[in-house]
Amino acid sequence: MSAPAKSRKRGPLPWLVREEWFLGISLVSSVICLCFGHAMMGGLSNPIVLILILVWLFSVVLGSIISVVRHADHLAISLGEPYGTLILTLAVTIIEVISISTMMLHGGSNPTLVRDTLFSVIMIILNGMVGLSLLLGGWRHREQQFNLQGANAYLSVIIPLAVLSLILPNYTVTTEGPTLSSVQEVFLAVMSVGLYGIFLLIQTNRHKMYFVFGETAEMKHKPVHAKSRPLPAHVTLLLAYMLPLVFLTEQLAQPIDYLVEVAHAPAALGGAIIAMMVATPEAVGAVQAARANQLQRSVNIFLGSVLATIGLTVPTMLVISHITGKRLILGVEHSDLILLPLTLAVSIVTFASGRTNILQGAVHTLLFVAYLVLLFEG
């Protein structure tokens, strides 16, 4: 009787060490920044120090984001719909809002950060993530299918939100420049939240079958994670990863800010870095699903990510900008004003038939390469 009791006592420690070792890295990195952060940031003028600190903090923040998403996914499976969708969406949106807010409030004023981040998320997901998923999935399975009604539902909300948030501000005359008046911002925020709420109602209640296809419908309710822990454990670990993540994001803002302002890097690079951090965990899941011939899951991931980013991040950042008094420039400019509607138009064509192959993947991938080229040579 004493032996089993002993083994039960020792059980949790090996599990935490084996599966949650990255939490230790996150906490140790936070302690290092807390104790030596001022001295380290003082050496950013040295290019080698700047690159080392940037890579280190970016890697730790990215790993923490992946861990947060992993535990949010466990909670989503445990609680089911509609709570599962809400938890995953809110987890990613909170991370994005924290990242943008921290960088926006740090250092010099950067009124285009929200716009640059939103645009980068759309380019990375709708071109990079979609292109890679369709290329790898089409190469392995030749042709893949998905539920056309679900993709149409996503795009019918994404397109007006993207245009009203990132293109319309260039053509309003109430205020100077690519900005919106207070009344226009209130309208945009209310409309974004309202449309996203209606979409959630469609996705989780009235028309669930729009977002499943074939075997996906049967697999949807099966637990994906065989070693899922009790609900309180996932809640505790999610919060444990979130706390150092907030602090480390603030530390990461300093080398990024230095890189953009002092090293004369492209102004949109800060937004692109945030977008990469936020989109990477979901990109991995989307690509893996496409390679496993579960394109419907990929479609739900990448189109759902874009919709959540625009529908929730825009109104949240508008509220934060009013509270902090920071000015926001939302309208995209120059080559981005061509690339954004081109991406939306190609996405309509890609998801118009319910079938995909490597051709669509190649087109989206080339558009992503164009985005990268224009980011540095725009």
Protein backbone atom coordinates (compact mmCIF):
# COMPACT_ATOMS: atom_id res chain seq x y z
CA MET A 1 0.00 0.00 0.00
CA SER A 2 2.88 2.37 0.75
CA ALA A 3 4.53 1.80 -2.66
CA PRO A 4 1.55 2.89 -4.79
CA ALA A 5 1.04 5.92 -2.58
CA LYS A 6 4.67 6.82 -3.07
CA SER A 7 4.44 6.53 -6.85
CA ARG A 8 1.30 8.66 -6.90
CA LYS A 9 3.16 11.36 -5.00
CA ARG A 10 6.06 11.41 -7.42
CA GLY A 11 3.86 11.32 -10.53
CA PRO A 12 3.24 15.03 -11.17
CA LEU A 13 6.89 16.15 -11.01
CA PRO A 14 8.20 14.01 -13.90
CA TRP A 15 5.13 14.99 -15.95
CA LEU A 16 5.78 18.70 -15.43
CA VAL A 17 9.48 18.33 -16.17
CA ARG A 18 8.89 16.18 -19.24
CA GLU A 19 5.99 18.06 -20.86
CA GLU A 20 6.21 21.61 -19.49
CA TRP A 21 9.98 22.16 -19.49
CA PHE A 22 9.59 25.29 -21.60
CA LEU A 23 7.85 27.02 -18.70
CA GLY A 24 11.19 26.86 -16.89
CA ILE A 25 12.92 28.54 -19.83
CA SER A 26 10.25 31.25 -19.89
CA LEU A 27 10.56 31.90 -16.15
CA VAL A 28 14.38 31.89 -16.18
CA SER A 29 14.37 34.31 -19.14
CA SER A 30 12.01 36.60 -17.21
CA VAL A 31 14.30 36.57 -14.17
CA ILE A 32 17.34 37.36 -16.34
CA CYS A 33 15.53 40.28 -17.97
CA LEU A 34 14.31 41.52 -14.59
CA CYS A 35 17.79 41.46 -13.05
CA PHE A 36 19.99 42.36 -16.01
CA GLY A 37 17.57 43.80 -18.55
CA HIS A 38 18.73 47.41 -18.23
CA ALA A 39 22.37 46.47 -18.79
CA MET A 40 21.52 44.20 -21.73
CA MET A 41 19.35 46.79 -23.46
CA GLY A 42 22.15 49.32 -23.05
CA GLY A 43 24.26 47.28 -25.45
CA LEU A 44 21.76 47.26 -28.33
CA SER A 45 24.02 49.59 -30.32
CA ASN A 46 26.28 46.58 -30.87
CA PRO A 47 24.78 44.68 -33.87
CA ILE A 48 25.80 41.27 -32.47
CA VAL A 49 24.19 42.00 -29.09
CA LEU A 50 21.08 43.31 -30.84
CA ILE A 51 20.70 40.16 -32.96
CA LEU A 52 21.37 37.80 -30.03
CA ILE A 53 18.86 39.50 -27.73
CA LEU A 54 16.26 39.74 -30.50
CA VAL A 55 16.58 36.06 -31.47
CA TRP A 56 16.59 34.93 -27.83
CA LEU A 57 13.52 36.90 -26.75
CA PHE A 58 11.64 36.14 -29.97
CA SER A 59 12.27 32.40 -29.55
CA VAL A 60 11.14 32.39 -25.91
CA VAL A 61 8.03 34.47 -26.63
CA LEU A 62 7.15 32.26 -29.61
CA GLY A 63 7.59 29.11 -27.53
CA SER A 64 5.38 30.57 -24.79
CA ILE A 65 2.69 31.45 -27.35
CA ILE A 66 2.77 27.89 -28.71
CA SER A 67 2.35 26.57 -25.16
CA VAL A 68 -0.56 28.92 -24.45
CA VAL A 69 -2.31 27.83 -27.65
CA ARG A 70 -1.64 24.17 -26.79
CA HIS A 71 -3.35 24.46 -23.40
CA ALA A 72 -6.17 26.56 -24.86
CA ASP A 73 -6.68 23.75 -27.38
CA HIS A 74 -6.92 21.23 -24.52
CA LEU A 75 -9.55 23.41 -22.84
CA ALA A 76 -11.44 23.73 -26.10
CA ILE A 77 -11.61 19.95 -26.47
CA SER A 78 -12.66 19.48 -22.85
CA LEU A 79 -15.40 22.11 -22.84
CA GLY A 80 -16.73 21.55 -26.37
CA GLU A 81 -18.60 24.08 -28.50
CA PRO A 82 -19.27 26.95 -28.45
CA TYR A 83 -16.82 27.46 -25.59
CA GLY A 84 -14.00 25.72 -27.43
CA THR A 85 -14.05 28.15 -30.34
CA LEU A 86 -14.30 31.11 -27.99
CA ILE A 87 -11.34 29.99 -25.86
CA LEU A 88 -9.05 29.40 -28.82
CA THR A 89 -10.08 32.69 -30.42
CA LEU A 90 -9.72 34.71 -27.25
CA ALA A 91 -6.34 33.15 -26.39
CA VAL A 92 -4.81 34.14 -29.74
CA THR A 93 -6.50 37.56 -29.73
CA ILE A 94 -5.32 38.34 -26.19
CA ILE A 95 -1.76 37.48 -27.16
CA GLU A 96 -1.97 39.70 -30.23
CA VAL A 97 -3.50 42.62 -28.31
CA ILE A 98 -0.85 42.30 -25.59
CA SER A 99 1.93 42.30 -28.17
CA ILE A 100 0.59 45.28 -30.11
CA SER A 101 -0.26 47.29 -26.97
CA THR A 102 3.15 46.69 -25.43
CA MET A 103 5.01 47.76 -28.54
CA MET A 104 2.67 50.68 -29.19
CA LEU A 105 3.19 52.04 -25.68
CA HIS A 106 6.94 51.43 -25.67
CA GLY A 107 9.41 54.00 -26.93
CA GLY A 108 8.47 56.37 -29.70
CA SER A 109 5.01 56.73 -31.13
CA ASN A 110 4.18 54.20 -33.84
CA PRO A 111 0.67 55.01 -35.10
CA THR A 112 0.90 52.49 -37.96
CA LEU A 113 1.72 49.45 -35.79
CA VAL A 114 -1.87 48.13 -35.63
CA ARG A 115 -2.29 48.57 -39.38
CA ASP A 116 1.06 46.93 -40.15
CA THR A 117 0.28 43.99 -37.86
CA LEU A 118 -3.19 43.41 -39.33
CA PHE A 119 -1.88 43.63 -42.88
CA SER A 120 1.00 41.27 -42.06
CA VAL A 121 -1.35 38.74 -40.45
CA ILE A 122 -3.51 38.74 -43.59
CA MET A 123 -0.49 38.34 -45.87
CA ILE A 124 1.17 35.64 -43.74
CA ILE A 125 -2.02 33.60 -43.31
CA LEU A 126 -3.94 34.10 -46.57
CA ASN A 127 -0.80 33.85 -48.69
CA GLY A 128 1.98 32.14 -46.74
CA MET A 129 -0.06 29.69 -44.66
CA VAL A 130 -2.64 28.98 -47.37
CA GLY A 131 0.04 28.63 -50.04
CA LEU A 132 2.17 26.18 -48.05
CA SER A 133 -0.85 24.14 -46.93
CA LEU A 134 -2.26 23.81 -50.45
CA LEU A 135 1.16 23.09 -51.96
CA LEU A 136 2.05 20.31 -49.52
CA GLY A 137 -1.48 18.92 -49.43
CA GLY A 138 -1.87 19.00 -53.20
CA TRP A 139 1.57 17.47 -53.77
CA ARG A 140 0.73 14.52 -51.54
CA HIS A 141 -2.97 14.04 -52.38
CA ARG A 142 -3.21 15.71 -55.85
CA GLU A 143 -6.64 17.26 -55.15
CA GLN A 144 -8.30 18.10 -51.84
CA GLN A 145 -11.84 19.06 -50.92
CA PHE A 146 -13.51 21.22 -48.28
CA ASN A 147 -16.98 22.54 -47.45
CA LEU A 148 -17.66 25.40 -49.84
CA GLN A 149 -20.40 26.91 -47.67
CA GLY A 150 -18.04 27.29 -44.71
CA ALA A 151 -15.33 29.00 -46.78
CA ASN A 152 -17.93 31.36 -48.27
CA ALA A 153 -19.17 32.21 -44.78
CA TYR A 154 -15.65 33.11 -43.67
CA LEU A 155 -14.87 35.22 -46.73
CA SER A 156 -18.23 37.01 -46.66
CA VAL A 157 -17.20 38.51 -43.30
CA ILE A 158 -13.43 38.81 -43.83
CA ILE A 159 -13.67 40.85 -47.05
CA PRO A 160 -15.89 43.71 -45.80
CA LEU A 161 -14.03 43.91 -42.48
CA ALA A 162 -10.64 44.03 -44.22
CA VAL A 163 -11.77 46.67 -46.71
CA LEU A 164 -13.51 48.87 -44.13
CA SER A 165 -10.60 48.60 -41.66
CA LEU A 166 -7.57 48.89 -43.94
CA ILE A 167 -8.70 50.51 -47.21
CA LEU A 168 -11.65 52.80 -46.45
CA PRO A 169 -9.63 55.12 -44.11
CA ASN A 170 -7.64 56.25 -47.17
CA TYR A 171 -10.78 57.66 -48.78
CA THR A 172 -12.68 59.29 -45.91
CA VAL A 173 -12.55 63.10 -45.84
CA THR A 174 -13.68 63.80 -42.28
CA THR A 175 -10.11 63.59 -41.00
CA GLU A 176 -6.72 64.19 -42.60
CA GLY A 177 -4.70 61.22 -43.76
CA PRO A 178 -5.60 57.51 -43.65
CA THR A 179 -7.49 57.81 -40.36
CA LEU A 180 -11.09 57.68 -39.16
CA SER A 181 -13.13 60.13 -37.12
CA SER A 182 -14.41 59.16 -33.68
CA VAL A 183 -17.88 58.39 -35.04
CA GLN A 184 -16.40 56.28 -37.83
CA GLU A 185 -14.20 54.38 -35.36
CA VAL A 186 -17.20 53.64 -33.13
CA PHE A 187 -19.12 52.37 -36.15
CA LEU A 188 -16.18 50.19 -37.25
CA ALA A 189 -15.74 48.72 -33.75
CA VAL A 190 -19.44 47.97 -33.24
CA MET A 191 -19.79 46.50 -36.73
CA SER A 192 -16.68 44.32 -36.33
CA VAL A 193 -17.82 42.87 -33.01
CA GLY A 194 -21.40 42.48 -34.28
CA LEU A 195 -20.43 40.63 -37.45
CA TYR A 196 -18.02 38.39 -35.57
CA GLY A 197 -20.70 37.59 -33.00
CA ILE A 198 -23.20 36.66 -35.74
CA PHE A 199 -20.54 34.51 -37.39
CA LEU A 200 -19.90 32.66 -34.11
CA LEU A 201 -23.63 32.01 -33.83
CA ILE A 202 -23.57 30.49 -37.32
CA GLN A 203 -20.41 28.47 -36.69
CA THR A 204 -21.26 27.06 -33.27
CA ASN A 205 -25.04 26.74 -33.38
CA ARG A 206 -27.26 27.25 -36.39
CA HIS A 207 -25.03 25.98 -39.23
CA LYS A 208 -22.32 23.82 -37.66
CA MET A 209 -22.21 21.50 -40.65
CA TYR A 210 -20.89 24.30 -42.88
CA PHE A 211 -17.54 23.87 -41.14
CA VAL A 212 -17.06 20.10 -41.36
CA PHE A 213 -16.44 17.87 -44.35
CA GLY A 214 -16.53 14.09 -44.70
CA GLU A 215 -14.55 12.34 -41.99
CA THR A 216 -13.82 15.68 -40.35
CA ALA A 217 -17.38 15.66 -39.03
CA GLU A 218 -16.69 12.42 -37.19
CA MET A 219 -13.22 13.44 -36.05
CA LYS A 220 -14.33 16.83 -34.78
CA HIS A 221 -15.50 15.59 -31.41
CA LYS A 222 -12.74 13.05 -30.85
CA PRO A 223 -10.02 14.11 -28.42
CA VAL A 224 -6.93 14.99 -30.39
CA HIS A 225 -4.59 14.95 -27.40
CA ALA A 226 -4.28 11.52 -25.90
CA LYS A 227 -2.55 12.78 -22.73
CA SER A 228 -4.94 15.57 -21.85
CA ARG A 229 -4.69 16.58 -18.18
CA PRO A 230 -7.53 17.61 -15.84
CA LEU A 231 -9.23 20.92 -16.64
CA PRO A 232 -7.76 22.84 -13.64
CA ALA A 233 -4.24 21.78 -14.67
CA HIS A 234 -4.64 23.27 -18.16
CA VAL A 235 -6.14 26.49 -16.77
CA THR A 236 -3.26 26.85 -14.29
CA LEU A 237 -0.58 26.14 -16.91
CA LEU A 238 -2.18 28.49 -19.45
CA LEU A 239 -2.06 31.32 -16.89
CA ALA A 240 1.47 30.29 -15.84
CA TYR A 241 2.67 30.73 -19.43
CA MET A 242 0.70 33.97 -19.96
CA LEU A 243 2.27 35.85 -17.02
CA PRO A 244 5.92 35.70 -18.18
CA LEU A 245 4.71 36.10 -21.77
CA VAL A 246 3.37 39.58 -20.98
CA PHE A 247 6.66 40.61 -19.38
CA LEU A 248 8.86 39.09 -22.10
CA THR A 249 6.78 40.75 -24.82
CA GLU A 250 7.53 44.09 -23.19
CA GLN A 251 11.24 43.25 -23.21
CA LEU A 252 11.06 42.14 -26.86
CA ALA A 253 9.54 45.50 -27.79
CA GLN A 254 12.81 47.25 -26.97
CA PRO A 255 15.13 45.55 -29.50
CA ILE A 256 12.37 45.64 -32.12
CA ASP A 257 11.85 49.35 -31.49
CA TYR A 258 15.60 49.93 -31.69
CA LEU A 259 15.84 47.91 -34.91
CA VAL A 260 13.08 49.95 -36.57
CA GLU A 261 13.93 53.44 -35.31
CA VAL A 262 17.73 53.44 -34.94
CA ALA A 263 18.90 50.78 -37.39
CA HIS A 264 16.55 52.21 -40.07
CA ALA A 265 14.77 48.91 -40.74
CA PRO A 266 11.42 49.07 -42.59
CA ALA A 267 8.74 50.68 -40.43
CA ALA A 268 6.38 47.75 -41.05
CA LEU A 269 8.90 45.23 -39.68
CA GLY A 270 7.57 45.55 -36.12
CA GLY A 271 4.07 44.58 -37.22
CA ALA A 272 5.45 41.72 -39.32
CA ILE A 273 7.35 40.29 -36.33
CA ILE A 274 4.21 40.36 -34.15
CA ALA A 275 2.21 38.73 -36.93
CA MET A 276 4.80 35.97 -37.30
CA MET A 277 4.67 35.22 -33.56
CA VAL A 278 0.88 35.10 -33.49
CA ALA A 279 0.39 33.15 -36.73
CA THR A 280 3.14 30.53 -36.36
CA PRO A 281 1.38 28.16 -33.88
CA GLU A 282 -1.74 28.05 -36.03
CA ALA A 283 0.30 27.78 -39.22
CA VAL A 284 1.91 24.57 -37.96
CA GLY A 285 -1.52 23.07 -37.24
CA ALA A 286 -2.91 24.10 -40.63
CA VAL A 287 0.01 22.64 -42.60
CA GLN A 288 -0.08 19.38 -40.65
CA ALA A 289 -3.82 19.05 -41.25
CA ALA A 290 -3.41 19.65 -45.00
CA ARG A 291 -0.67 17.03 -45.25
CA ALA A 292 -2.97 14.58 -43.45
CA ASN A 293 -5.66 15.30 -46.08
CA GLN A 294 -7.84 17.19 -43.58
CA LEU A 295 -8.12 20.37 -45.62
CA GLN A 296 -11.36 21.36 -43.90
CA ARG A 297 -9.49 21.71 -40.63
CA SER A 298 -6.84 23.83 -42.38
CA VAL A 299 -9.53 26.08 -43.87
CA ASN A 300 -11.12 26.53 -40.45
CA ILE A 301 -7.73 27.41 -38.95
CA PHE A 302 -6.42 29.96 -41.43
CA LEU A 303 -9.70 31.67 -42.38
CA GLY A 304 -10.82 31.62 -38.74
CA SER A 305 -7.53 33.22 -37.67
CA VAL A 306 -7.87 36.09 -40.14
CA LEU A 307 -11.49 36.69 -39.16
CA ALA A 308 -10.70 36.71 -35.42
CA THR A 309 -7.73 39.03 -35.94
CA ILE A 310 -9.76 41.65 -37.78
CA GLY A 311 -13.05 41.17 -35.97
CA LEU A 312 -11.65 41.35 -32.43
CA THR A 313 -8.25 43.06 -32.59
CA VAL A 314 -9.45 46.16 -34.46
CA PRO A 315 -12.20 47.16 -31.96
CA THR A 316 -9.96 46.30 -29.00
CA MET A 317 -7.10 48.46 -30.27
CA LEU A 318 -9.49 51.32 -31.08
CA VAL A 319 -10.63 51.30 -27.44
CA ILE A 320 -7.03 51.14 -26.18
CA SER A 321 -6.01 54.02 -28.46
CA HIS A 322 -8.76 56.21 -27.00
CA ILE A 323 -7.80 55.30 -23.43
CA THR A 324 -4.08 55.93 -23.97
CA GLY A 325 -4.46 58.86 -26.36
CA LYS A 326 -2.36 57.13 -29.03
CA ARG A 327 -3.23 57.99 -32.64
CA LEU A 328 -3.98 55.12 -35.01
CA ILE A 329 -3.39 55.11 -38.75
CA LEU A 330 -5.38 52.23 -40.22
CA GLY A 331 -5.33 52.78 -43.98
CA VAL A 332 -2.68 50.83 -45.90
CA GLU A 333 -0.61 52.76 -48.42
CA HIS A 334 1.50 52.44 -51.54
CA SER A 335 2.05 48.85 -52.77
CA ASP A 336 0.02 47.42 -49.86
CA LEU A 337 -3.04 49.12 -51.31
CA ILE A 338 -2.68 46.85 -54.36
CA LEU A 339 -1.52 43.68 -52.59
CA LEU A 340 -4.41 43.57 -50.10
CA PRO A 341 -7.34 43.58 -52.60
CA LEU A 342 -5.33 41.26 -54.90
CA THR A 343 -4.98 38.76 -52.04
CA LEU A 344 -8.70 38.96 -51.23
CA ALA A 345 -9.63 38.49 -54.90
CA VAL A 346 -7.32 35.47 -55.33
CA SER A 347 -8.73 33.98 -52.10
CA ILE A 348 -12.25 34.22 -53.55
CA VAL A 349 -11.11 32.31 -56.66
CA THR A 350 -9.19 29.72 -54.61
CA PHE A 351 -12.14 28.88 -52.38
CA ALA A 352 -14.83 29.15 -55.07
CA SER A 353 -15.04 25.51 -56.11
CA GLY A 354 -14.60 23.42 -52.98
CA ARG A 355 -11.49 21.76 -54.49
CA THR A 356 -7.81 22.76 -54.45
CA ASN A 357 -4.55 21.61 -55.99
CA ILE A 358 -0.93 22.74 -56.15
CA LEU A 359 -1.71 25.54 -58.64
CA GLN A 360 -3.63 27.57 -56.05
CA GLY A 361 -0.88 26.84 -53.53
CA ALA A 362 1.77 28.15 -55.93
CA VAL A 363 -0.18 31.38 -56.60
CA HIS A 364 -0.63 32.16 -52.89
CA THR A 365 3.01 31.32 -52.17
CA LEU A 366 4.20 33.72 -54.88
CA LEU A 367 1.98 36.46 -53.45
CA PHE A 368 3.59 35.84 -50.05
CA VAL A 369 7.05 36.18 -51.63
CA ALA A 370 5.87 39.44 -53.22
CA TYR A 371 4.82 40.66 -49.75
CA LEU A 372 8.29 39.87 -48.34
CA VAL A 373 10.04 41.62 -51.23
CA LEU A 374 7.84 44.70 -50.95
CA LEU A 375 8.31 44.76 -47.16
CA PHE A 376 11.98 45.62 -47.68
CA GLU A 377 11.90 47.07 -51.20
CA GLY A 378 8.48 48.75 -51.29
